[in-house]
């Protein structure tokens, strides 16, 4: 988690935009719990994890969208659907708050 906060500090100092995705609620079996964070940059790079797999991919896409439209959002990831297809998948639901932090470089 310390690396994530150091990266946020560095991005702010360098005036680089990013989005923070934070799990705000979980129900059932989820790979990560409330408070897990992922930092997403406009080029698709990310730091941290909210659990990996399809759910993380969905949140990554929504974080990139949030950086484009400058709007926060809550993403609901339902792993129950994946459970039917693959019994190795967690069978819970989690909600992620995605907050874009838009900064522009000095010119």
PDB file of N, CA and C in Angstrom:
ATOM      1  N   UNK A   1       0.826  -1.189   0.000  1.00  0.00           N
ATOM      2  CA  UNK A   1       0.000   0.000   0.000  1.00  0.00           C
ATOM      3  C   UNK A   1       0.872   1.256   0.000  1.00  0.00           C
ATOM      4  N   UNK A   2       2.027   1.168   0.620  1.00  0.00           N
ATOM      5  CA  UNK A   2       2.914   2.329   0.673  1.00  0.00           C
ATOM      6  C   UNK A   2       3.352   2.750  -0.729  1.00  0.00           C
ATOM      7  N   UNK A   3       3.647   1.775  -1.602  1.00  0.00           N
ATOM      8  CA  UNK A   3       4.022   2.081  -2.982  1.00  0.00           C
ATOM      9  C   UNK A   3       2.920   2.844  -3.694  1.00  0.00           C
ATOM     10  N   UNK A   4       1.671   2.477  -3.414  1.00  0.00           N
ATOM     11  CA  UNK A   4       0.545   3.138  -4.046  1.00  0.00           C
ATOM     12  C   UNK A   4       0.504   4.608  -3.639  1.00  0.00           C
ATOM     13  N   UNK A   5       0.634   4.890  -2.359  1.00  0.00           N
ATOM     14  CA  UNK A   5       0.596   6.279  -1.902  1.00  0.00           C
ATOM     15  C   UNK A   5       1.812   7.068  -2.377  1.00  0.00           C
ATOM     16  N   UNK A   6       2.954   6.421  -2.445  1.00  0.00           N
ATOM     17  CA  UNK A   6       4.137   7.098  -2.991  1.00  0.00           C
ATOM     18  C   UNK A   6       3.931   7.424  -4.467  1.00  0.00           C
ATOM     19  N   UNK A   7       3.279   6.529  -5.198  1.00  0.00           N
ATOM     20  CA  UNK A   7       2.997   6.774  -6.617  1.00  0.00           C
ATOM     21  C   UNK A   7       1.989   7.897  -6.791  1.00  0.00           C
ATOM     22  N   UNK A   8       1.013   7.974  -5.898  1.00  0.00           N
ATOM     23  CA  UNK A   8       0.052   9.083  -5.952  1.00  0.00           C
ATOM     24  C   UNK A   8       0.781  10.399  -5.719  1.00  0.00           C
ATOM     25  N   UNK A   9       1.630  10.432  -4.713  1.00  0.00           N
ATOM     26  CA  UNK A   9       2.396  11.646  -4.409  1.00  0.00           C
ATOM     27  C   UNK A   9       3.259  12.054  -5.607  1.00  0.00           C
ATOM     28  N   UNK A  10       3.927  11.088  -6.216  1.00  0.00           N
ATOM     29  CA  UNK A  10       4.783  11.376  -7.368  1.00  0.00           C
ATOM     30  C   UNK A  10       3.942  11.891  -8.550  1.00  0.00           C
ATOM     31  N   UNK A  11       2.806  11.273  -8.807  1.00  0.00           N
ATOM     32  CA  UNK A  11       1.943  11.709  -9.914  1.00  0.00           C
ATOM     33  C   UNK A  11       1.459  13.140  -9.687  1.00  0.00           C
ATOM     34  N   UNK A  12       1.104  13.473  -8.450  1.00  0.00           N
ATOM     35  CA  UNK A  12       0.662  14.835  -8.146  1.00  0.00           C
ATOM     36  C   UNK A  12       1.798  15.819  -8.370  1.00  0.00           C
ATOM     37  N   UNK A  13       2.987  15.487  -7.893  1.00  0.00           N
ATOM     38  CA  UNK A  13       4.134  16.369  -8.080  1.00  0.00           C
ATOM     39  C   UNK A  13       4.454  16.572  -9.557  1.00  0.00           C
ATOM     40  N   UNK A  14       4.267  15.525 -10.359  1.00  0.00           N
ATOM     41  CA  UNK A  14       4.553  15.600 -11.794  1.00  0.00           C
ATOM     42  C   UNK A  14       3.348  16.060 -12.613  1.00  0.00           C
ATOM     43  N   UNK A  15       2.242  16.346 -11.933  1.00  0.00           N
ATOM     44  CA  UNK A  15       1.004  16.814 -12.580  1.00  0.00           C
ATOM     45  C   UNK A  15       0.481  15.805 -13.606  1.00  0.00           C
ATOM     46  N   UNK A  16       0.558  14.505 -13.263  1.00  0.00           N
ATOM     47  CA  UNK A  16       0.026  13.431 -14.117  1.00  0.00           C
ATOM     48  C   UNK A  16      -1.315  12.972 -13.566  1.00  0.00           C
ATOM     49  N   UNK A  17      -2.300  12.858 -14.427  1.00  0.00           N
ATOM     50  CA  UNK A  17      -3.625  12.411 -14.013  1.00  0.00           C
ATOM     51  C   UNK A  17      -3.613  10.923 -13.664  1.00  0.00           C
ATOM     52  N   UNK A  18      -4.569  10.514 -12.828  1.00  0.00           N
ATOM     53  CA  UNK A  18      -4.720   9.119 -12.443  1.00  0.00           C
ATOM     54  C   UNK A  18      -6.124   8.936 -11.879  1.00  0.00           C
ATOM     55  N   UNK A  19      -6.504   7.700 -11.698  1.00  0.00           N
ATOM     56  CA  UNK A  19      -7.762   7.380 -11.022  1.00  0.00           C
ATOM     57  C   UNK A  19      -7.458   6.409  -9.894  1.00  0.00           C
ATOM     58  N   UNK A  20      -8.206   6.543  -8.819  1.00  0.00           N
ATOM     59  CA  UNK A  20      -8.079   5.627  -7.696  1.00  0.00           C
ATOM     60  C   UNK A  20      -9.357   4.794  -7.635  1.00  0.00           C
ATOM     61  N   UNK A  21      -9.191   3.472  -7.651  1.00  0.00           N
ATOM     62  CA  UNK A  21     -10.313   2.552  -7.533  1.00  0.00           C
ATOM     63  C   UNK A  21     -10.214   1.886  -6.160  1.00  0.00           C
ATOM     64  N   UNK A  22     -11.265   2.021  -5.359  1.00  0.00           N
ATOM     65  CA  UNK A  22     -11.266   1.496  -3.998  1.00  0.00           C
ATOM     66  C   UNK A  22     -12.489   0.617  -3.780  1.00  0.00           C
ATOM     67  N   UNK A  23     -12.281  -0.594  -3.284  1.00  0.00           N
ATOM     68  CA  UNK A  23     -13.415  -1.451  -2.949  1.00  0.00           C
ATOM     69  C   UNK A  23     -14.114  -0.837  -1.743  1.00  0.00           C
ATOM     70  N   UNK A  24     -15.426  -0.577  -1.906  1.00  0.00           N
ATOM     71  CA  UNK A  24     -16.193   0.057  -0.824  1.00  0.00           C
ATOM     72  C   UNK A  24     -17.190  -0.900  -0.171  1.00  0.00           C
ATOM     73  N   UNK A  25     -17.462  -2.031  -0.808  1.00  0.00           N
ATOM     74  CA  UNK A  25     -18.388  -3.004  -0.224  1.00  0.00           C
ATOM     75  C   UNK A  25     -18.142  -4.374  -0.845  1.00  0.00           C
ATOM     76  N   UNK A  26     -18.315  -5.408  -0.027  1.00  0.00           N
ATOM     77  CA  UNK A  26     -18.198  -6.778  -0.532  1.00  0.00           C
ATOM     78  C   UNK A  26     -19.328  -7.610   0.049  1.00  0.00           C
ATOM     79  N   UNK A  27     -19.681  -8.641  -0.692  1.00  0.00           N
ATOM     80  CA  UNK A  27     -20.676  -9.601  -0.221  1.00  0.00           C
ATOM     81  C   UNK A  27     -20.261 -10.966  -0.733  1.00  0.00           C
ATOM     82  N   UNK A  28     -20.219 -11.942   0.144  1.00  0.00           N
ATOM     83  CA  UNK A  28     -19.825 -13.283  -0.259  1.00  0.00           C
ATOM     84  C   UNK A  28     -18.316 -13.405  -0.370  1.00  0.00           C
ATOM     85  N   UNK A  29     -17.887 -14.336  -1.185  1.00  0.00           N
ATOM     86  CA  UNK A  29     -16.466 -14.622  -1.348  1.00  0.00           C
ATOM     87  C   UNK A  29     -15.885 -13.734  -2.459  1.00  0.00           C
ATOM     88  N   UNK A  30     -15.002 -12.825  -2.068  1.00  0.00           N
ATOM     89  CA  UNK A  30     -14.347 -11.931  -3.025  1.00  0.00           C
ATOM     90  C   UNK A  30     -12.838 -12.028  -2.836  1.00  0.00           C
ATOM     91  N   UNK A  31     -12.075 -11.775  -3.908  1.00  0.00           N
ATOM     92  CA  UNK A  31     -10.619 -11.923  -3.801  1.00  0.00           C
ATOM     93  C   UNK A  31      -9.966 -10.897  -2.880  1.00  0.00           C
ATOM     94  N   UNK A  32     -10.540  -9.710  -2.781  1.00  0.00           N
ATOM     95  CA  UNK A  32     -10.020  -8.668  -1.886  1.00  0.00           C
ATOM     96  C   UNK A  32     -11.182  -8.096  -1.099  1.00  0.00           C
ATOM     97  N   UNK A  33     -10.882  -7.437  -0.030  1.00  0.00           N
ATOM     98  CA  UNK A  33     -11.913  -6.908   0.862  1.00  0.00           C
ATOM     99  C   UNK A  33     -11.985  -5.386   0.784  1.00  0.00           C
ATOM    100  N   UNK A  34     -12.934  -4.828   1.508  1.00  0.00           N
ATOM    101  CA  UNK A  34     -13.147  -3.385   1.547  1.00  0.00           C
ATOM    102  C   UNK A  34     -11.841  -2.663   1.870  1.00  0.00           C
ATOM    103  N   UNK A  35     -11.582  -1.610   1.113  1.00  0.00           N
ATOM    104  CA  UNK A  35     -10.381  -0.810   1.318  1.00  0.00           C
ATOM    105  C   UNK A  35      -9.270  -1.098   0.333  1.00  0.00           C
ATOM    106  N   UNK A  36      -9.317  -2.244  -0.354  1.00  0.00           N
ATOM    107  CA  UNK A  36      -8.283  -2.555  -1.356  1.00  0.00           C
ATOM    108  C   UNK A  36      -8.323  -1.489  -2.444  1.00  0.00           C
ATOM    109  N   UNK A  37      -7.150  -1.103  -2.922  1.00  0.00           N
ATOM    110  CA  UNK A  37      -7.049  -0.008  -3.885  1.00  0.00           C
ATOM    111  C   UNK A  37      -6.221  -0.391  -5.101  1.00  0.00           C
ATOM    112  N   UNK A  38      -6.543   0.301  -6.183  1.00  0.00           N
ATOM    113  CA  UNK A  38      -5.782   0.169  -7.422  1.00  0.00           C
ATOM    114  C   UNK A  38      -5.661   1.569  -8.020  1.00  0.00           C
ATOM    115  N   UNK A  39      -4.474   1.921  -8.434  1.00  0.00           N
ATOM    116  CA  UNK A  39      -4.198   3.210  -9.064  1.00  0.00           C
ATOM    117  C   UNK A  39      -4.098   2.977 -10.558  1.00  0.00           C
ATOM    118  N   UNK A  40      -4.819   3.780 -11.355  1.00  0.00           N
ATOM    119  CA  UNK A  40      -4.859   3.593 -12.802  1.00  0.00           C
ATOM    120  C   UNK A  40      -4.419   4.881 -13.500  1.00  0.00           C
ATOM    121  N   UNK A  41      -3.518   4.731 -14.471  1.00  0.00           N
ATOM    122  CA  UNK A  41      -3.037   5.871 -15.246  1.00  0.00           C
ATOM    123  C   UNK A  41      -3.685   5.876 -16.635  1.00  0.00           C
ATOM    124  N   UNK A  42      -3.770   7.039 -17.275  1.00  0.00           N
ATOM    125  CA  UNK A  42      -4.442   7.138 -18.579  1.00  0.00           C
ATOM    126  C   UNK A  42      -3.894   6.209 -19.662  1.00  0.00           C
ATOM    127  N   UNK A  43      -2.634   5.801 -19.555  1.00  0.00           N
ATOM    128  CA  UNK A  43      -2.058   4.916 -20.570  1.00  0.00           C
ATOM    129  C   UNK A  43      -2.371   3.438 -20.307  1.00  0.00           C
ATOM    130  N   UNK A  44      -3.175   3.165 -19.263  1.00  0.00           N
ATOM    131  CA  UNK A  44      -3.570   1.799 -18.951  1.00  0.00           C
ATOM    132  C   UNK A  44      -2.700   1.107 -17.918  1.00  0.00           C
ATOM    133  N   UNK A  45      -1.573   1.721 -17.565  1.00  0.00           N
ATOM    134  CA  UNK A  45      -0.752   1.139 -16.502  1.00  0.00           C
ATOM    135  C   UNK A  45      -1.514   1.224 -15.187  1.00  0.00           C
ATOM    136  N   UNK A  46      -1.262   0.272 -14.294  1.00  0.00           N
ATOM    137  CA  UNK A  46      -1.909   0.329 -12.994  1.00  0.00           C
ATOM    138  C   UNK A  46      -0.982  -0.218 -11.924  1.00  0.00           C
ATOM    139  N   UNK A  47      -1.293   0.145 -10.693  1.00  0.00           N
ATOM    140  CA  UNK A  47      -0.517  -0.285  -9.536  1.00  0.00           C
ATOM    141  C   UNK A  47      -1.515  -0.729  -8.471  1.00  0.00           C
ATOM    142  N   UNK A  48      -1.225  -1.828  -7.809  1.00  0.00           N
ATOM    143  CA  UNK A  48      -2.137  -2.363  -6.815  1.00  0.00           C
ATOM    144  C   UNK A  48      -3.118  -3.312  -7.481  1.00  0.00           C
ATOM    145  N   UNK A  49      -4.026  -3.842  -6.675  1.00  0.00           N
ATOM    146  CA  UNK A  49      -5.003  -4.776  -7.222  1.00  0.00           C
ATOM    147  C   UNK A  49      -6.288  -4.727  -6.406  1.00  0.00           C
ATOM    148  N   UNK A  50      -7.364  -4.988  -7.086  1.00  0.00           N
ATOM    149  CA  UNK A  50      -8.625  -5.170  -6.385  1.00  0.00           C
ATOM    150  C   UNK A  50      -9.092  -6.613  -6.535  1.00  0.00           C
ATOM    151  N   UNK A  51      -8.205  -7.481  -7.028  1.00  0.00           N
ATOM    152  CA  UNK A  51      -8.528  -8.890  -7.053  1.00  0.00           C
ATOM    153  C   UNK A  51      -8.157  -9.645  -8.307  1.00  0.00           C
ATOM    154  N   UNK A  52      -7.785  -8.968  -9.358  1.00  0.00           N
ATOM    155  CA  UNK A  52      -7.395  -9.655 -10.581  1.00  0.00           C
ATOM    156  C   UNK A  52      -8.571 -10.134 -11.405  1.00  0.00           C
ATOM    157  N   UNK A  53      -8.260 -10.823 -12.476  1.00  0.00           N
ATOM    158  CA  UNK A  53      -9.274 -11.441 -13.319  1.00  0.00           C
ATOM    159  C   UNK A  53     -10.187 -10.479 -14.035  1.00  0.00           C
ATOM    160  N   UNK A  54     -11.342 -11.006 -14.430  1.00  0.00           N
ATOM    161  CA  UNK A  54     -12.321 -10.247 -15.210  1.00  0.00           C
ATOM    162  C   UNK A  54     -12.827  -9.018 -14.458  1.00  0.00           C
ATOM    163  N   UNK A  55     -13.053  -9.172 -13.156  1.00  0.00           N
ATOM    164  CA  UNK A  55     -13.565  -8.058 -12.361  1.00  0.00           C
ATOM    165  C   UNK A  55     -12.611  -6.887 -12.353  1.00  0.00           C
ATOM    166  N   UNK A  56     -11.328  -7.181 -12.209  1.00  0.00           N
ATOM    167  CA  UNK A  56     -10.338  -6.115 -12.213  1.00  0.00           C
ATOM    168  C   UNK A  56     -10.262  -5.473 -13.600  1.00  0.00           C
ATOM    169  N   UNK A  57     -10.394  -6.278 -14.645  1.00  0.00           N
ATOM    170  CA  UNK A  57     -10.400  -5.743 -16.003  1.00  0.00           C
ATOM    171  C   UNK A  57     -11.563  -4.796 -16.228  1.00  0.00           C
ATOM    172  N   UNK A  58     -12.710  -5.150 -15.691  1.00  0.00           N
ATOM    173  CA  UNK A  58     -13.896  -4.297 -15.805  1.00  0.00           C
ATOM    174  C   UNK A  58     -13.676  -2.963 -15.096  1.00  0.00           C
ATOM    175  N   UNK A  59     -13.102  -3.011 -13.898  1.00  0.00           N
ATOM    176  CA  UNK A  59     -12.841  -1.790 -13.136  1.00  0.00           C
ATOM    177  C   UNK A  59     -11.764  -0.952 -13.829  1.00  0.00           C
ATOM    178  N   UNK A  60     -10.746  -1.587 -14.371  1.00  0.00           N
ATOM    179  CA  UNK A  60      -9.707  -0.874 -15.109  1.00  0.00           C
ATOM    180  C   UNK A  60     -10.326  -0.097 -16.268  1.00  0.00           C
ATOM    181  N   UNK A  61     -11.199  -0.737 -17.017  1.00  0.00           N
ATOM    182  CA  UNK A  61     -11.865  -0.071 -18.142  1.00  0.00           C
ATOM    183  C   UNK A  61     -12.699   1.120 -17.662  1.00  0.00           C
ATOM    184  N   UNK A  62     -13.427   0.933 -16.569  1.00  0.00           N
ATOM    185  CA  UNK A  62     -14.241   2.027 -16.029  1.00  0.00           C
ATOM    186  C   UNK A  62     -13.371   3.164 -15.495  1.00  0.00           C
ATOM    187  N   UNK A  63     -12.211   2.841 -14.938  1.00  0.00           N
ATOM    188  CA  UNK A  63     -11.287   3.887 -14.467  1.00  0.00           C
ATOM    189  C   UNK A  63     -10.775   4.708 -15.643  1.00  0.00           C
ATOM    190  N   UNK A  64     -10.460   4.045 -16.747  1.00  0.00           N
ATOM    191  CA  UNK A  64     -10.024   4.770 -17.943  1.00  0.00           C
ATOM    192  C   UNK A  64     -11.150   5.650 -18.478  1.00  0.00           C
ATOM    193  N   UNK A  65     -12.374   5.140 -18.439  1.00  0.00           N
ATOM    194  CA  UNK A  65     -13.532   5.951 -18.851  1.00  0.00           C
ATOM    195  C   UNK A  65     -13.704   7.155 -17.935  1.00  0.00           C
ATOM    196  N   UNK A  66     -13.502   6.956 -16.636  1.00  0.00           N
ATOM    197  CA  UNK A  66     -13.616   8.056 -15.669  1.00  0.00           C
ATOM    198  C   UNK A  66     -12.579   9.136 -15.942  1.00  0.00           C
ATOM    199  N   UNK A  67     -11.398   8.729 -16.354  1.00  0.00           N
ATOM    200  CA  UNK A  67     -10.372   9.714 -16.701  1.00  0.00           C
ATOM    201  C   UNK A  67     -10.761  10.489 -17.959  1.00  0.00           C
ATOM    202  N   UNK A  68     -11.491   9.853 -18.866  1.00  0.00           N
ATOM    203  CA  UNK A  68     -11.935  10.518 -20.100  1.00  0.00           C
ATOM    204  C   UNK A  68     -13.077  11.499 -19.837  1.00  0.00           C
ATOM    205  N   UNK A  69     -14.068  11.075 -19.037  1.00  0.00           N
ATOM    206  CA  UNK A  69     -15.239  11.938 -18.857  1.00  0.00           C
ATOM    207  C   UNK A  69     -15.228  12.727 -17.543  1.00  0.00           C
ATOM    208  N   UNK A  70     -14.180  12.551 -16.738  1.00  0.00           N
ATOM    209  CA  UNK A  70     -13.989  13.295 -15.492  1.00  0.00           C
ATOM    210  C   UNK A  70     -15.135  13.091 -14.503  1.00  0.00           C
ATOM    211  N   UNK A  71     -15.710  11.882 -14.486  1.00  0.00           N
ATOM    212  CA  UNK A  71     -16.821  11.602 -13.580  1.00  0.00           C
ATOM    213  C   UNK A  71     -16.493  10.413 -12.689  1.00  0.00           C
ATOM    214  N   UNK A  72     -16.779  10.581 -11.401  1.00  0.00           N
ATOM    215  CA  UNK A  72     -16.641   9.456 -10.488  1.00  0.00           C
ATOM    216  C   UNK A  72     -17.745   8.447 -10.789  1.00  0.00           C
ATOM    217  N   UNK A  73     -17.538   7.227 -10.336  1.00  0.00           N
ATOM    218  CA  UNK A  73     -18.552   6.199 -10.536  1.00  0.00           C
ATOM    219  C   UNK A  73     -18.361   5.075  -9.540  1.00  0.00           C
ATOM    220  N   UNK A  74     -19.420   4.312  -9.376  1.00  0.00           N
ATOM    221  CA  UNK A  74     -19.359   3.091  -8.586  1.00  0.00           C
ATOM    222  C   UNK A  74     -19.572   1.941  -9.552  1.00  0.00           C
ATOM    223  N   UNK A  75     -18.643   1.001  -9.527  1.00  0.00           N
ATOM    224  CA  UNK A  75     -18.699  -0.164 -10.412  1.00  0.00           C
ATOM    225  C   UNK A  75     -19.070  -1.374  -9.563  1.00  0.00           C
ATOM    226  N   UNK A  76     -20.105  -2.063  -9.963  1.00  0.00           N
ATOM    227  CA  UNK A  76     -20.543  -3.278  -9.261  1.00  0.00           C
ATOM    228  C   UNK A  76     -20.034  -4.479 -10.047  1.00  0.00           C
ATOM    229  N   UNK A  77     -19.240  -5.303  -9.388  1.00  0.00           N
ATOM    230  CA  UNK A  77     -18.675  -6.489 -10.030  1.00  0.00           C
ATOM    231  C   UNK A  77     -19.332  -7.714  -9.407  1.00  0.00           C
ATOM    232  N   UNK A  78     -20.029  -8.482 -10.236  1.00  0.00           N
ATOM    233  CA  UNK A  78     -20.741  -9.669  -9.781  1.00  0.00           C
ATOM    234  C   UNK A  78     -19.983 -10.909 -10.245  1.00  0.00           C
ATOM    235  N   UNK A  79     -19.320 -11.564  -9.313  1.00  0.00           N
ATOM    236  CA  UNK A  79     -18.549 -12.760  -9.644  1.00  0.00           C
ATOM    237  C   UNK A  79     -19.410 -14.023  -9.627  1.00  0.00           C
ATOM    238  N   UNK A  80     -20.666 -13.881  -9.284  1.00  0.00           N
ATOM    239  CA  UNK A  80     -21.568 -15.039  -9.255  1.00  0.00           C
ATOM    240  C   UNK A  80     -21.762 -15.605 -10.656  1.00  0.00           C
ATOM    241  N   UNK A  81     -21.817 -14.715 -11.662  1.00  0.00           N
ATOM    242  CA  UNK A  81     -21.981 -15.165 -13.040  1.00  0.00           C
ATOM    243  C   UNK A  81     -20.777 -15.991 -13.479  1.00  0.00           C
ATOM    244  N   UNK A  82     -19.589 -15.559 -13.097  1.00  0.00           N
ATOM    245  CA  UNK A  82     -18.369 -16.283 -13.454  1.00  0.00           C
ATOM    246  C   UNK A  82     -18.303 -17.630 -12.749  1.00  0.00           C
ATOM    247  N   UNK A  83     -18.917 -17.708 -11.575  1.00  0.00           N
ATOM    248  CA  UNK A  83     -18.894 -18.940 -10.788  1.00  0.00           C
ATOM    249  C   UNK A  83     -19.573 -20.082 -11.536  1.00  0.00           C
ATOM    250  N   UNK A  84     -20.629 -19.758 -12.270  1.00  0.00           N
ATOM    251  CA  UNK A  84     -21.348 -20.779 -13.020  1.00  0.00           C
ATOM    252  C   UNK A  84     -20.471 -21.382 -14.119  1.00  0.00           C
ATOM    253  N   UNK A  85     -19.598 -20.566 -14.691  1.00  0.00           N
ATOM    254  CA  UNK A  85     -18.746 -21.027 -15.786  1.00  0.00           C
ATOM    255  C   UNK A  85     -17.458 -21.688 -15.297  1.00  0.00           C
ATOM    256  N   UNK A  86     -16.974 -21.292 -14.122  1.00  0.00           N
ATOM    257  CA  UNK A  86     -15.676 -21.774 -13.640  1.00  0.00           C
ATOM    258  C   UNK A  86     -15.709 -21.835 -12.115  1.00  0.00           C
ATOM    259  N   UNK A  87     -15.694 -23.011 -11.538  1.00  0.00           N
ATOM    260  CA  UNK A  87     -15.815 -23.134 -10.089  1.00  0.00           C
ATOM    261  C   UNK A  87     -14.558 -22.704  -9.332  1.00  0.00           C
ATOM    262  N   UNK A  88     -13.513 -22.280 -10.031  1.00  0.00           N
ATOM    263  CA  UNK A  88     -12.308 -21.766  -9.362  1.00  0.00           C
ATOM    264  C   UNK A  88     -12.440 -20.280  -9.049  1.00  0.00           C
ATOM    265  N   UNK A  89     -13.505 -19.648  -9.518  1.00  0.00           N
ATOM    266  CA  UNK A  89     -13.716 -18.216  -9.338  1.00  0.00           C
ATOM    267  C   UNK A  89     -14.428 -17.971  -8.013  1.00  0.00           C
ATOM    268  N   UNK A  90     -14.092 -16.862  -7.339  1.00  0.00           N
ATOM    269  CA  UNK A  90     -14.808 -16.477  -6.123  1.00  0.00           C
ATOM    270  C   UNK A  90     -16.272 -16.264  -6.477  1.00  0.00           C
ATOM    271  N   UNK A  91     -17.150 -16.407  -5.506  1.00  0.00           N
ATOM    272  CA  UNK A  91     -18.568 -16.295  -5.790  1.00  0.00           C
ATOM    273  C   UNK A  91     -19.233 -15.143  -5.077  1.00  0.00           C
ATOM    274  N   UNK A  92     -18.636 -13.975  -5.093  1.00  0.00           N
ATOM    275  CA  UNK A  92     -19.199 -12.835  -4.383  1.00  0.00           C
ATOM    276  C   UNK A  92     -19.461 -11.655  -5.293  1.00  0.00           C
ATOM    277  N   UNK A  93     -19.795 -10.564  -4.642  1.00  0.00           N
ATOM    278  CA  UNK A  93     -20.079  -9.305  -5.325  1.00  0.00           C
ATOM    279  C   UNK A  93     -19.271  -8.230  -4.607  1.00  0.00           C
ATOM    280  N   UNK A  94     -18.683  -7.321  -5.372  1.00  0.00           N
ATOM    281  CA  UNK A  94     -18.037  -6.185  -4.727  1.00  0.00           C
ATOM    282  C   UNK A  94     -18.308  -4.905  -5.498  1.00  0.00           C
ATOM    283  N   UNK A  95     -18.291  -3.795  -4.773  1.00  0.00           N
ATOM    284  CA  UNK A  95     -18.496  -2.484  -5.377  1.00  0.00           C
ATOM    285  C   UNK A  95     -17.227  -1.679  -5.221  1.00  0.00           C
ATOM    286  N   UNK A  96     -16.904  -0.951  -6.294  1.00  0.00           N
ATOM    287  CA  UNK A  96     -15.662  -0.191  -6.335  1.00  0.00           C
ATOM    288  C   UNK A  96     -15.978   1.263  -6.661  1.00  0.00           C
ATOM    289  N   UNK A  97     -15.493   2.165  -5.821  1.00  0.00           N
ATOM    290  CA  UNK A  97     -15.612   3.601  -6.086  1.00  0.00           C
ATOM    291  C   UNK A  97     -14.416   4.002  -6.928  1.00  0.00           C
ATOM    292  N   UNK A  98     -14.679   4.596  -8.082  1.00  0.00           N
ATOM    293  CA  UNK A  98     -13.618   5.032  -8.997  1.00  0.00           C
ATOM    294  C   UNK A  98     -13.614   6.557  -9.018  1.00  0.00           C
ATOM    295  N   UNK A  99     -12.469   7.125  -8.632  1.00  0.00           N
ATOM    296  CA  UNK A  99     -12.340   8.576  -8.548  1.00  0.00           C
ATOM    297  C   UNK A  99     -11.209   9.062  -9.447  1.00  0.00           C
ATOM    298  N   UNK A 100     -11.545   9.828 -10.493  1.00  0.00           N
ATOM    299  CA  UNK A 100     -10.492  10.383 -11.343  1.00  0.00           C
ATOM    300  C   UNK A 100      -9.861  11.614 -10.680  1.00  0.00           C
ATOM    301  N   UNK A 101      -8.564  11.724 -10.798  1.00  0.00           N
ATOM    302  CA  UNK A 101      -7.831  12.904 -10.327  1.00  0.00           C
ATOM    303  C   UNK A 101      -7.142  13.459 -11.568  1.00  0.00           C
ATOM    304  N   UNK A 102      -7.696  14.552 -12.077  1.00  0.00           N
ATOM    305  CA  UNK A 102      -7.208  15.100 -13.346  1.00  0.00           C
ATOM    306  C   UNK A 102      -6.250  16.250 -13.096  1.00  0.00           C
ATOM    307  N   UNK A 103      -5.038  16.071 -13.550  1.00  0.00           N
ATOM    308  CA  UNK A 103      -3.984  17.067 -13.406  1.00  0.00           C
ATOM    309  C   UNK A 103      -3.382  17.322 -14.788  1.00  0.00           C
ATOM    310  N   UNK A 104      -2.944  18.522 -15.016  1.00  0.00           N
ATOM    311  CA  UNK A 104      -2.294  18.812 -16.297  1.00  0.00           C
ATOM    312  C   UNK A 104      -0.882  19.293 -16.047  1.00  0.00           C
ATOM    313  N   UNK A 105       0.006  18.923 -16.944  1.00  0.00           N
ATOM    314  CA  UNK A 105       1.414  19.318 -16.812  1.00  0.00           C
ATOM    315  C   UNK A 105       1.568  20.817 -17.028  1.00  0.00           C
ATOM    316  N   UNK A 106       2.558  21.386 -16.352  1.00  0.00           N
ATOM    317  CA  UNK A 106       2.882  22.794 -16.577  1.00  0.00           C
ATOM    318  C   UNK A 106       3.463  22.948 -17.966  1.00  0.00           C
ATOM    319  N   UNK A 107       3.151  24.011 -18.604  1.00  0.00           N
ATOM    320  CA  UNK A 107       3.676  24.255 -19.965  1.00  0.00           C
ATOM    321  C   UNK A 107       4.573  25.453 -19.975  1.00  0.00           C
TER     322      UNK A 107
END
